Amino acid sequence: MDYKKSKAPVNTVTRNIMDLCDETGNIYESVSIIAKRANQISVQIKEDLSKKLAEFASYNDSLEEVFENREQIEISRYYEKLPKPSLLATQEFIEHKVYWRDPSKDVQQAIEQ
């Protein structure tokens, strides 16, 4: 997922709850799907940030010298300005870009057939 080019808002947006439950028929299921996707996005963003900041890591035992790297600060600021994972996940859910399935419903349908 390219979260950098997402159309998700940076600030919190009030949403109609009924629009979120249209697809699943249950608001709690919709929120659960969005929460799980937000966790996935959060892990992905954290991994990307860690990889980029690892390039600047200095393995010095000296606590007296602290170096401020301008590029490292800019990368951190960029990631701070990105939309929060929950907003990204909600936007993906609204745009029907999230795939999910309910295994209990799949089993029930197989039994009925």
Protein backbone atom coordinates (compact mmCIF):
# COMPACT_ATOMS: atom_id res chain seq x y z
CA MET A 1 0.00 0.00 0.00
CA ASP A 2 1.30 3.43 -0.85
CA TYR A 3 0.26 5.40 2.19
CA LYS A 4 2.26 8.39 0.98
CA LYS A 5 -0.16 8.99 -1.90
CA SER A 6 -3.34 8.26 0.04
CA LYS A 7 -6.30 10.62 -0.08
CA ALA A 8 -6.90 10.14 3.62
CA PRO A 9 -7.38 13.34 5.62
CA VAL A 10 -4.66 14.39 8.05
CA ASN A 11 -7.19 15.57 10.63
CA THR A 12 -10.06 13.67 12.17
CA VAL A 13 -13.24 13.67 10.10
CA THR A 14 -16.76 13.02 11.35
CA ARG A 15 -18.27 10.10 9.48
CA ASN A 16 -21.79 8.73 9.23
CA ILE A 17 -21.86 5.43 11.10
CA MET A 18 -24.52 4.03 8.79
CA ASP A 19 -22.20 4.49 5.79
CA LEU A 20 -19.55 2.39 7.51
CA CYS A 21 -21.91 -0.50 8.19
CA ASP A 22 -23.41 -0.60 4.68
CA GLU A 23 -20.92 -3.15 3.42
CA THR A 24 -20.89 -5.52 6.40
CA GLY A 25 -24.34 -4.90 7.87
CA ASN A 26 -22.82 -4.56 11.32
CA ILE A 27 -21.00 -1.48 12.67
CA TYR A 28 -18.94 -3.57 15.11
CA GLU A 29 -17.68 -5.81 12.32
CA SER A 30 -16.77 -2.75 10.23
CA VAL A 31 -14.88 -1.16 13.12
CA SER A 32 -13.08 -4.44 13.78
CA ILE A 33 -11.98 -4.67 10.13
CA ILE A 34 -10.79 -1.05 10.17
CA ALA A 35 -8.89 -1.60 13.44
CA LYS A 36 -7.11 -4.69 12.14
CA ARG A 37 -6.14 -2.89 8.95
CA ALA A 38 -4.91 0.12 10.97
CA ASN A 39 -2.64 -2.22 12.95
CA GLN A 40 -1.21 -3.60 9.71
CA ILE A 41 -0.58 -0.11 8.37
CA SER A 42 1.01 0.98 11.64
CA VAL A 43 3.46 -1.93 11.55
CA GLN A 44 4.32 -1.19 7.93
CA ILE A 45 4.97 2.50 8.59
CA LYS A 46 7.08 1.68 11.64
CA GLU A 47 9.19 -0.78 9.63
CA ASP A 48 9.72 1.79 6.86
CA LEU A 49 10.72 4.47 9.34
CA SER A 50 13.06 2.12 11.19
CA LYS A 51 14.80 1.14 7.93
CA LYS A 52 15.33 4.77 6.96
CA LEU A 53 16.56 5.82 10.40
CA ALA A 54 18.87 2.79 10.67
CA GLU A 55 21.04 4.36 7.97
CA PHE A 56 21.86 7.20 10.35
CA ALA A 57 22.53 5.05 13.41
CA SER A 58 25.89 5.60 15.03
CA TYR A 59 27.15 2.97 17.39
CA ASN A 60 29.02 5.18 19.78
CA ASP A 61 29.29 4.47 23.48
CA SER A 62 29.93 8.07 24.29
CA LEU A 63 26.90 9.64 25.94
CA GLU A 64 28.49 13.07 25.96
CA GLU A 65 28.36 13.58 22.20
CA VAL A 66 24.95 13.80 20.62
CA PHE A 67 24.86 14.49 16.93
CA GLU A 68 21.85 16.07 15.28
CA ASN A 69 21.50 14.96 11.73
CA ARG A 70 19.38 17.30 9.60
CA GLU A 71 18.27 14.49 7.23
CA GLN A 72 17.19 12.30 10.13
CA ILE A 73 15.10 15.14 11.56
CA GLU A 74 13.45 15.76 8.17
CA ILE A 75 12.55 12.09 7.79
CA SER A 76 11.03 12.04 11.26
CA ARG A 77 9.01 15.18 10.56
CA TYR A 78 7.74 13.74 7.29
CA TYR A 79 6.44 10.62 9.04
CA GLU A 80 4.86 12.72 11.79
CA LYS A 81 2.85 14.64 9.19
CA LEU A 82 1.42 11.52 7.55
CA PRO A 83 -2.22 10.65 8.30
CA LYS A 84 -2.69 8.35 11.27
CA PRO A 85 -3.07 4.62 10.49
CA SER A 86 -6.70 4.64 11.66
CA LEU A 87 -7.54 7.40 9.18
CA LEU A 88 -5.73 5.55 6.38
CA ALA A 89 -7.58 2.32 7.19
CA THR A 90 -10.94 4.08 7.31
CA GLN A 91 -10.30 5.70 3.93
CA GLU A 92 -9.34 2.33 2.44
CA PHE A 93 -12.49 0.75 3.87
CA ILE A 94 -14.70 3.48 2.43
CA GLU A 95 -13.03 3.15 -0.99
CA HIS A 96 -13.56 -0.66 -0.90
CA LYS A 97 -9.81 -1.35 -1.01
CA VAL A 98 -9.84 -3.70 2.00
CA TYR A 99 -10.42 -7.42 1.51
CA TRP A 100 -11.81 -9.44 4.39
CA ARG A 101 -13.76 -12.60 4.94
CA ASP A 102 -15.56 -14.22 7.85
CA PRO A 103 -14.51 -17.87 8.25
CA SER A 104 -17.56 -18.67 10.39
CA LYS A 105 -19.89 -17.56 7.59
CA ASP A 106 -17.88 -19.58 5.06
CA VAL A 107 -18.28 -22.73 7.17
CA GLN A 108 -22.00 -22.08 7.64
CA GLN A 109 -22.52 -21.67 3.89
CA ALA A 110 -20.62 -24.91 3.21
CA ILE A 111 -22.84 -26.80 5.69
CA GLU A 112 -26.03 -25.44 4.11
CA GLN A 113 -24.98 -26.61 0.66
